[in-house]
């Protein structure tokens, strides 16, 4: 799977299965928008040696808060060739 020039928005991407998904997408060349309730943990993602080539944007967001949904919609609809992955 080749994901160069694709952007993936991954909710819950800072830890657990979401982090593994981010590592896999980064390895395949995708740029990442890492959305997690814990922004500090999401910000540490680029410093991981396994993702040193990935471009990433950390977002601190709680998906239970409906005020966050427009921001996520912006990223998922404004970015062409995007991938949206969520853990709910």
Foldseek 3Di string as FASTA:
>chain_A
DAQALEEEEEEVLLDDPNVVVVLVVLVNHHAYEYEYLDQVSVVCSCVPPSRVPHHYHYHNDDVVDVVCVVVVVCVQPVRPNYHYHYDD
